[in-house]
C-alpha atoms as a PDB file:
ATOM      1  CA  MET A   1      84.473 118.586  72.771  1.00  0.00           C
ATOM      2  CA  ASP A   2      84.564 114.974  74.297  1.00  0.00           C
ATOM      3  CA  LYS A   3      82.183 113.676  77.375  1.00  0.00           C
ATOM      4  CA  ILE A   4      82.838 111.771  80.162  1.00  0.00           C
ATOM      5  CA  LEU A   5      81.301 109.130  81.607  1.00  0.00           C
ATOM      6  CA  GLY A   6      80.908 108.437  85.499  1.00  0.00           C
ATOM      7  CA  LEU A   7      80.518 104.969  86.644  1.00  0.00           C
ATOM      8  CA  ASP A   8      78.921 103.806  90.018  1.00  0.00           C
ATOM      9  CA  ILE A   9      80.144 100.225  89.947  1.00  0.00           C
ATOM     10  CA  GLY A  10      78.252  97.954  92.434  1.00  0.00           C
ATOM     11  CA  LYS A  11      77.790  94.113  92.624  1.00  0.00           C
ATOM     12  CA  LYS A  12      74.804  93.766  91.501  1.00  0.00           C
ATOM     13  CA  ARG A  13      73.889  96.837  89.143  1.00  0.00           C
ATOM     14  CA  ILE A  14      75.975 100.065  87.532  1.00  0.00           C
ATOM     15  CA  GLY A  15      74.883 103.268  87.715  1.00  0.00           C
ATOM     16  CA  ILE A  16      76.129 105.205  84.520  1.00  0.00           C
ATOM     17  CA  ALA A  17      75.831 109.294  84.052  1.00  0.00           C
ATOM     18  CA  ILE A  18      77.253 111.416  81.290  1.00  0.00           C
ATOM     19  CA  SER A  19      78.774 114.493  81.101  1.00  0.00           C
ATOM     20  CA  ASP A  20      77.204 117.577  78.726  1.00  0.00           C
ATOM     21  CA  ALA A  21      79.684 118.776  75.827  1.00  0.00           C
ATOM     22  CA  MET A  22      81.101 121.096  78.011  1.00  0.00           C
ATOM     23  CA  GLY A  23      82.320 118.963  81.080  1.00  0.00           C
ATOM     24  CA  LEU A  24      80.387 120.952  83.200  1.00  0.00           C
ATOM     25  CA  ILE A  25      77.303 118.878  84.386  1.00  0.00           C
ATOM     26  CA  ALA A  26      76.569 115.354  84.990  1.00  0.00           C
ATOM     27  CA  HIS A  27      73.528 114.015  83.796  1.00  0.00           C
ATOM     28  CA  PRO A  28      71.938 110.334  84.602  1.00  0.00           C
ATOM     29  CA  VAL A  29      72.057 108.038  81.864  1.00  0.00           C
ATOM     30  CA  GLU A  30      70.883 104.709  82.907  1.00  0.00           C
ATOM     31  CA  THR A  31      71.239 101.770  85.570  1.00  0.00           C
ATOM     32  CA  ILE A  32      72.362  98.255  83.989  1.00  0.00           C
ATOM     33  CA  SER A  33      72.807  95.145  85.639  1.00  0.00           C
ATOM     34  CA  ARG A  34      76.224  93.913  86.052  1.00  0.00           C
ATOM     35  CA  GLU A  35      75.798  90.164  85.422  1.00  0.00           C
ATOM     36  CA  PRO A  36      77.319  89.008  82.986  1.00  0.00           C
ATOM     37  CA  ASP A  37      80.519  90.925  83.349  1.00  0.00           C
ATOM     38  CA  GLU A  38      80.706  90.937  79.309  1.00  0.00           C
ATOM     39  CA  LYS A  39      77.110  92.207  78.800  1.00  0.00           C
ATOM     40  CA  SER A  40      77.463  95.366  80.822  1.00  0.00           C
ATOM     41  CA  ILE A  41      80.995  96.303  79.559  1.00  0.00           C
ATOM     42  CA  GLU A  42      79.990  95.696  76.200  1.00  0.00           C
ATOM     43  CA  LYS A  43      76.869  98.077  77.239  1.00  0.00           C
ATOM     44  CA  ILE A  44      79.381 100.513  78.449  1.00  0.00           C
ATOM     45  CA  LYS A  45      81.578 100.715  75.528  1.00  0.00           C
ATOM     46  CA  GLN A  46      78.563 101.147  73.171  1.00  0.00           C
ATOM     47  CA  ILE A  47      77.429 103.950  75.481  1.00  0.00           C
ATOM     48  CA  CYS A  48      80.882 105.278  75.378  1.00  0.00           C
ATOM     49  CA  LYS A  49      81.073 105.162  71.353  1.00  0.00           C
ATOM     50  CA  ASP A  50      77.791 106.997  70.876  1.00  0.00           C
ATOM     51  CA  ASN A  51      78.519 109.791  73.003  1.00  0.00           C
ATOM     52  CA  CYS A  52      82.196 110.321  72.098  1.00  0.00           C
ATOM     53  CA  VAL A  53      83.356 109.139  75.468  1.00  0.00           C
ATOM     54  CA  LYS A  54      87.399 109.544  76.070  1.00  0.00           C
ATOM     55  CA  ILE A  55      87.236 109.532  79.839  1.00  0.00           C
ATOM     56  CA  ILE A  56      85.884 107.213  82.084  1.00  0.00           C
ATOM     57  CA  VAL A  57      85.312 108.106  86.187  1.00  0.00           C
ATOM     58  CA  ALA A  58      84.470 105.191  88.362  1.00  0.00           C
ATOM     59  CA  GLY A  59      83.380 105.570  91.544  1.00  0.00           C
ATOM     60  CA  LEU A  60      86.537 103.788  93.912  1.00  0.00           C
ATOM     61  CA  PRO A  61      84.803 102.628  97.035  1.00  0.00           C
ATOM     62  CA  LYS A  62      87.672 103.284  99.458  1.00  0.00           C
ATOM     63  CA  ASN A  63      87.338 101.911 103.234  1.00  0.00           C
ATOM     64  CA  MET A  64      86.623 104.815 105.780  1.00  0.00           C
ATOM     65  CA  ASN A  65      90.097 104.440 106.844  1.00  0.00           C
ATOM     66  CA  ASN A  66      91.101 105.343 103.171  1.00  0.00           C
ATOM     67  CA  THR A  67      92.671 101.854 102.231  1.00  0.00           C
ATOM     68  CA  ILE A  68      91.582  99.639  99.269  1.00  0.00           C
ATOM     69  CA  GLY A  69      89.089  96.657 100.499  1.00  0.00           C
ATOM     70  CA  GLU A  70      87.337  94.471  98.377  1.00  0.00           C
ATOM     71  CA  GLN A  71      84.702  96.195  96.474  1.00  0.00           C
ATOM     72  CA  ALA A  72      86.989  99.044  95.747  1.00  0.00           C
ATOM     73  CA  GLN A  73      89.670  96.180  94.326  1.00  0.00           C
ATOM     74  CA  ASP A  74      86.722  94.602  92.449  1.00  0.00           C
ATOM     75  CA  CYS A  75      85.648  98.076  90.910  1.00  0.00           C
ATOM     76  CA  ILE A  76      89.489  98.158  89.932  1.00  0.00           C
ATOM     77  CA  ASN A  77      88.997  94.761  87.868  1.00  0.00           C
ATOM     78  CA  PHE A  78      86.024  95.559  86.444  1.00  0.00           C
ATOM     79  CA  CYS A  79      87.521  98.733  85.071  1.00  0.00           C
ATOM     80  CA  GLU A  80      90.725  97.082  83.867  1.00  0.00           C
ATOM     81  CA  ASN A  81      88.141  96.071  80.687  1.00  0.00           C
ATOM     82  CA  PHE A  82      88.218  99.338  79.791  1.00  0.00           C
ATOM     83  CA  LYS A  83      92.159 100.806  79.903  1.00  0.00           C
ATOM     84  CA  ASP A  84      93.178 100.098  76.176  1.00  0.00           C
ATOM     85  CA  GLU A  85      90.102 102.394  74.726  1.00  0.00           C
ATOM     86  CA  PHE A  86      89.561 104.965  77.666  1.00  0.00           C
ATOM     87  CA  GLU A  87      91.529 107.104  80.221  1.00  0.00           C
ATOM     88  CA  ILE A  88      90.123 105.433  83.447  1.00  0.00           C
ATOM     89  CA  ILE A  89      90.069 108.197  86.767  1.00  0.00           C
ATOM     90  CA  TYR A  90      89.065 106.715  90.180  1.00  0.00           C
ATOM     91  CA  GLU A  91      87.098 108.588  91.983  1.00  0.00           C
ATOM     92  CA  ASP A  92      86.798 108.525  96.276  1.00  0.00           C
ATOM     93  CA  GLU A  93      83.034 107.657  96.189  1.00  0.00           C
ATOM     94  CA  ARG A  94      82.945 107.199 100.429  1.00  0.00           C
ATOM     95  CA  LEU A  95      79.206 107.901 101.303  1.00  0.00           C
ATOM     96  CA  THR A  96      77.797 108.965  97.794  1.00  0.00           C
ATOM     97  CA  SER A  97      75.099 106.431  98.172  1.00  0.00           C
ATOM     98  CA  ARG A  98      74.111 108.226 101.110  1.00  0.00           C
ATOM     99  CA  GLN A  99      74.159 111.225  99.715  1.00  0.00           C
ATOM    100  CA  ALA A 100      71.872 109.645  96.814  1.00  0.00           C
ATOM    101  CA  GLU A 101      69.212 108.888  99.067  1.00  0.00           C
ATOM    102  CA  TYR A 102      69.085 111.566 101.173  1.00  0.00           C
ATOM    103  CA  ILE A 103      68.932 113.811  97.943  1.00  0.00           C
ATOM    104  CA  LEU A 104      66.240 111.223  96.593  1.00  0.00           C
ATOM    105  CA  ALA A 105      64.557 111.585 100.124  1.00  0.00           C
ATOM    106  CA  ALA A 106      64.421 115.463 100.016  1.00  0.00           C
ATOM    107  CA  THR A 107      62.898 115.327  96.603  1.00  0.00           C
ATOM    108  CA  GLY A 108      60.210 112.835  97.817  1.00  0.00           C
ATOM    109  CA  ARG A 109      61.740 110.151  95.369  1.00  0.00           C
ATOM    110  CA  LYS A 110      60.873 106.293  96.381  1.00  0.00           C
ATOM    111  CA  TYR A 111      64.100 105.190  96.667  1.00  0.00           C
ATOM    112  CA  THR A 112      63.618 102.113  98.824  1.00  0.00           C
ATOM    113  CA  LYS A 113      62.544  99.775  96.700  1.00  0.00           C
ATOM    114  CA  ASP A 114      64.175 101.094  93.941  1.00  0.00           C
ATOM    115  CA  LYS A 115      67.367 100.896  94.302  1.00  0.00           C
ATOM    116  CA  GLN A 116      68.620 101.760  90.881  1.00  0.00           C
ATOM    117  CA  LEU A 117      67.277 105.326  91.359  1.00  0.00           C
ATOM    118  CA  VAL A 118      70.721 104.959  94.103  1.00  0.00           C
ATOM    119  CA  ASP A 119      73.177 103.676  91.470  1.00  0.00           C
ATOM    120  CA  LEU A 120      72.278 106.246  88.925  1.00  0.00           C
ATOM    121  CA  LYS A 121      72.278 109.158  91.516  1.00  0.00           C
ATOM    122  CA  SER A 122      74.918 108.318  92.847  1.00  0.00           C
ATOM    123  CA  ALA A 123      76.845 107.969  89.325  1.00  0.00           C
ATOM    124  CA  CYS A 124      75.505 111.293  88.965  1.00  0.00           C
ATOM    125  CA  LEU A 125      77.011 112.589  91.870  1.00  0.00           C
ATOM    126  CA  ILE A 126      81.093 111.069  91.453  1.00  0.00           C
ATOM    127  CA  LEU A 127      80.892 112.484  87.871  1.00  0.00           C
ATOM    128  CA  GLN A 128      79.617 115.667  88.941  1.00  0.00           C
ATOM    129  CA  GLN A 129      82.438 115.590  92.198  1.00  0.00           C
ATOM    130  CA  TYR A 130      84.946 114.856  89.437  1.00  0.00           C
ATOM    131  CA  LEU A 131      83.747 117.678  87.140  1.00  0.00           C
ATOM    132  CA  ASP A 132      83.505 120.345  89.480  1.00  0.00           C
ATOM    133  CA  ARG A 133      87.252 119.499  90.768  1.00  0.00           C
ATOM    134  CA  LYS A 134      88.435 119.712  87.148  1.00  0.00           C
END
């Protein structure tokens, strides 16, 4: 069975998670630098190729009033680079960073000095939310 990739796309970093082969559990992969976009796009495509990914679930940071703001539009624009090769699904990711921080704090992880941990956990939360609903 094909795996599903989860992305938490920020302006500086991208958190990446992947499902297990059964599509039940999200696992952290890594956090990569967003800049330059071309390099991060190629890295994500290589991860997809190496893991037989057909679907990418991207967190869509909507505004609290459910509108598409600047950050959400940036996410959509970034994902345009994958639409010819993968099915793109947008998952509402409002407050996942806060949820990730709470989980990391509860487990004693020092996330305040390593924001990559938050991005990685957020990618897992975004993907897991999609997998649970599916």
